N, C-alpha and C. Protein backbone atom coordinates (compact mmCIF):
# COMPACT_ATOMS: atom_id res chain seq x y z
N MET A 1 1.10 -1.15 -0.08
CA MET A 1 -0.27 0.09 0.13
C MET A 1 0.86 1.22 -0.09
N SER A 2 0.52 2.21 -0.69
CA SER A 2 1.27 3.30 -1.00
C SER A 2 0.76 4.55 0.06
N ALA A 3 1.75 5.38 0.23
CA ALA A 3 1.71 6.47 1.32
C ALA A 3 0.53 7.50 0.85
N PRO A 4 -0.34 7.75 1.55
CA PRO A 4 -1.43 8.96 1.01
C PRO A 4 -0.94 9.87 0.05
N ASN A 5 0.11 10.54 0.50
CA ASN A 5 0.38 11.72 -0.40
C ASN A 5 1.52 11.35 -1.42
N ALA A 6 2.07 9.82 -2.22
CA ALA A 6 2.55 9.26 -3.06
C ALA A 6 2.14 9.82 -4.12
N PRO A 7 3.16 10.48 -5.17
CA PRO A 7 2.55 10.61 -6.24
C PRO A 7 1.85 9.28 -7.15
N ARG A 8 0.81 9.37 -7.84
CA ARG A 8 0.16 8.66 -8.81
C ARG A 8 0.28 8.41 -9.84
N PRO A 9 0.54 7.58 -10.84
CA PRO A 9 0.89 7.74 -12.21
C PRO A 9 -0.24 8.25 -12.80
N GLY A 10 0.11 8.68 -14.12
CA GLY A 10 -1.38 9.33 -15.02
C GLY A 10 -0.80 10.54 -15.48
N LEU A 11 -2.01 11.43 -15.68
CA LEU A 11 -2.05 12.70 -16.32
C LEU A 11 -1.84 13.69 -15.17
N ASP A 12 -1.01 14.68 -15.60
CA ASP A 12 -1.36 15.69 -14.47
C ASP A 12 -2.30 16.81 -14.63
N TRP A 13 -3.47 16.23 -14.32
CA TRP A 13 -4.60 17.34 -14.97
C TRP A 13 -4.38 18.85 -14.41
N GLY A 14 -3.71 18.95 -13.35
CA GLY A 14 -4.07 20.23 -12.65
C GLY A 14 -2.66 21.31 -13.50
N GLY A 15 -1.87 20.40 -13.88
CA GLY A 15 -0.90 21.16 -14.92
C GLY A 15 -1.15 21.48 -16.39
N LEU A 16 -2.05 20.25 -16.61
CA LEU A 16 -2.60 20.50 -18.07
C LEU A 16 -3.58 21.43 -18.20
N MET A 17 -4.40 21.48 -17.10
CA MET A 17 -5.26 22.97 -17.02
C MET A 17 -4.96 24.08 -17.07
N ARG A 18 -4.03 24.24 -16.24
CA ARG A 18 -3.22 25.62 -16.20
C ARG A 18 -2.39 25.83 -17.64
N ALA A 19 -2.06 24.66 -18.03
CA ALA A 19 -1.42 24.90 -19.71
C ALA A 19 -2.49 25.48 -20.53
N GLY A 20 -3.55 25.00 -20.55
CA GLY A 20 -4.67 25.21 -21.72
C GLY A 20 -5.50 26.31 -21.31
N ILE A 21 -5.64 26.22 -19.94
CA ILE A 21 -6.69 27.31 -19.61
C ILE A 21 -6.04 28.83 -19.19
N VAL A 22 -5.12 28.66 -18.55
CA VAL A 22 -4.31 29.94 -18.43
C VAL A 22 -3.18 30.20 -19.64
N GLY A 23 -2.43 28.89 -19.89
CA GLY A 23 -1.71 29.57 -21.17
C GLY A 23 -2.14 29.46 -22.35
N ARG A 24 -2.98 29.02 -22.69
CA ARG A 24 -3.45 29.08 -23.92
C ARG A 24 -4.99 29.65 -24.51
N GLY A 25 -5.26 30.25 -22.98
CA GLY A 25 -6.49 31.18 -23.17
C GLY A 25 -7.84 30.18 -23.50
N LEU A 26 -8.17 29.19 -23.12
CA LEU A 26 -8.93 28.30 -23.46
C LEU A 26 -10.10 28.40 -22.52
N LYS A 27 -11.70 28.40 -22.51
CA LYS A 27 -12.26 28.42 -21.69
C LYS A 27 -12.49 26.83 -20.92
N PRO A 28 -12.78 26.85 -19.86
CA PRO A 28 -13.13 25.21 -19.46
C PRO A 28 -13.89 24.36 -19.96
N ALA A 29 -14.97 24.80 -20.88
CA ALA A 29 -15.68 23.83 -21.76
C ALA A 29 -14.83 23.68 -22.85
N GLU A 30 -14.04 24.39 -23.45
CA GLU A 30 -13.50 24.26 -24.31
C GLU A 30 -12.29 23.11 -24.05
N PHE A 31 -11.64 23.31 -22.79
CA PHE A 31 -10.59 22.53 -22.45
C PHE A 31 -10.97 21.23 -22.38
N TRP A 32 -12.18 20.93 -21.45
CA TRP A 32 -12.98 19.72 -21.67
C TRP A 32 -13.29 18.95 -22.83
N ASP A 33 -13.39 19.63 -23.91
CA ASP A 33 -13.91 19.14 -25.02
C ASP A 33 -12.73 18.43 -25.98
N LEU A 34 -11.39 19.16 -25.35
CA LEU A 34 -10.39 18.47 -26.44
C LEU A 34 -10.24 16.85 -25.71
N THR A 35 -9.79 16.02 -26.97
CA THR A 35 -9.20 14.60 -26.34
C THR A 35 -7.62 14.96 -26.02
N PRO A 36 -7.30 14.24 -24.99
CA PRO A 36 -5.85 14.27 -24.39
C PRO A 36 -4.89 14.39 -25.91
N ALA A 37 -4.98 13.56 -26.95
CA ALA A 37 -4.34 13.75 -28.13
C ALA A 37 -4.30 15.11 -28.91
N GLU A 38 -5.44 15.86 -29.04
CA GLU A 38 -5.73 17.36 -29.12
C GLU A 38 -4.84 18.19 -28.34
N LEU A 39 -5.19 17.95 -27.00
CA LEU A 39 -4.42 19.03 -26.09
C LEU A 39 -3.06 18.91 -26.07
N ALA A 40 -2.23 17.58 -26.44
CA ALA A 40 -0.91 17.30 -26.44
C ALA A 40 -0.42 18.20 -27.61
N LEU A 41 -1.30 18.05 -28.92
CA LEU A 41 -0.91 18.88 -30.10
C LEU A 41 -0.83 20.16 -29.71
N MET A 42 -2.04 20.79 -29.16
CA MET A 42 -2.09 22.13 -29.05
C MET A 42 -0.89 22.81 -28.19
N LEU A 43 -0.23 21.89 -27.08
CA LEU A 43 0.51 21.94 -26.11
C LEU A 43 2.10 21.86 -26.86
N GLY A 44 1.98 21.40 -27.91
CA GLY A 44 3.45 20.80 -28.41
C GLY A 44 4.18 19.76 -27.48
N ILE A 45 3.27 18.88 -27.20
CA ILE A 45 3.84 17.72 -26.25
C ILE A 45 3.57 16.57 -27.44
N ASP A 46 4.90 15.84 -27.25
CA ASP A 46 5.21 14.93 -28.34
C ASP A 46 4.76 13.49 -27.44
N THR A 47 4.03 12.81 -28.06
CA THR A 47 3.24 11.94 -27.47
C THR A 47 3.93 10.53 -27.84
N GLY A 48 4.77 10.57 -28.82
CA GLY A 48 5.12 9.47 -29.93
C GLY A 48 4.26 8.75 -30.69
N ALA A 49 2.78 9.29 -30.60
CA ALA A 49 1.88 8.57 -31.40
C ALA A 49 1.95 8.45 -32.90
N HIS A 50 2.95 9.34 -33.23
CA HIS A 50 3.34 9.64 -35.11
C HIS A 50 4.33 8.98 -34.97
N ALA A 51 4.99 8.30 -34.23
CA ALA A 51 6.22 7.87 -34.36
C ALA A 51 6.42 6.68 -35.50
N GLY A 52 5.52 5.87 -35.92
CA GLY A 52 5.47 5.21 -37.03
C GLY A 52 5.30 5.93 -38.29
N GLY A 53 5.31 7.38 -38.53
CA GLY A 53 5.34 7.93 -39.76
C GLY A 53 3.63 7.84 -40.49
N ALA A 54 3.92 8.37 -41.61
CA ALA A 54 2.50 8.37 -42.47
C ALA A 54 2.05 6.96 -42.53
N MET A 55 0.74 6.56 -42.57
CA MET A 55 0.53 5.27 -42.77
C MET A 55 0.43 4.82 -44.41
N SER A 56 0.89 3.55 -44.44
CA SER A 56 1.22 2.84 -45.87
C SER A 56 -0.51 2.44 -46.19
N ARG A 57 -0.29 2.25 -47.64
CA ARG A 57 -1.33 1.56 -48.04
C ARG A 57 -1.70 0.36 -47.42
N ALA A 58 -0.62 -0.48 -47.35
CA ALA A 58 -0.69 -1.78 -46.89
C ALA A 58 -1.37 -1.95 -45.43
N ARG A 59 -0.62 -0.88 -44.61
CA ARG A 59 -1.46 -0.89 -43.62
C ARG A 59 -2.89 -0.14 -43.30
N LEU A 60 -2.82 0.31 -44.14
CA LEU A 60 -4.69 0.93 -44.31
C LEU A 60 -5.43 -0.33 -44.97
N ASP A 61 -5.04 -1.28 -45.86
CA ASP A 61 -5.50 -2.37 -46.35
C ASP A 61 -5.51 -3.26 -45.19
N ALA A 62 -4.55 -3.53 -44.24
CA ALA A 62 -4.69 -4.46 -43.16
C ALA A 62 -5.60 -4.01 -42.03
N LEU A 63 -5.86 -2.63 -41.86
CA LEU A 63 -6.87 -2.07 -40.81
C LEU A 63 -8.30 -2.54 -41.52
N MET A 64 -8.55 -2.37 -42.86
CA MET A 64 -9.48 -2.38 -43.51
C MET A 64 -10.36 -3.44 -43.48
N ALA A 65 -9.07 -4.51 -43.68
CA ALA A 65 -9.46 -6.10 -43.53
C ALA A 65 -9.78 -6.77 -42.16
N ARG A 66 -9.03 -6.03 -41.13
CA ARG A 66 -9.40 -6.18 -39.94
C ARG A 66 -10.64 -6.03 -38.93
N PHE A 67 -10.90 -4.66 -39.44
CA PHE A 67 -12.16 -3.92 -39.04
C PHE A 67 -13.20 -3.20 -40.17
N PRO A 68 -13.78 -4.46 -41.06
CA PRO A 68 -14.72 -3.78 -41.91
C PRO A 68 -15.81 -3.07 -41.92
N ASP A 69 -16.40 -2.46 -42.68
CA ASP A 69 -17.48 -1.77 -42.31
C ASP A 69 -18.78 -2.53 -42.58
N ALA A 70 -19.79 -2.19 -41.87
CA ALA A 70 -20.73 -3.10 -41.65
C ALA A 70 -21.68 -3.15 -43.05
């Protein structure tokens, strides 16, 4: 069991709110309407989500085969 004041893993919502609302001038509703990926992009945070580069046609075909439209 961890100590009550021990840091917990996850997002620093207080810091993200300060960066978005105070730093970028977002209204609270605008902040909460963003996805974490959109907020990271807006704040210039590299999440590594794009590390694979552009999607190739082969990768798109594989995804379409795996998740076909109904």
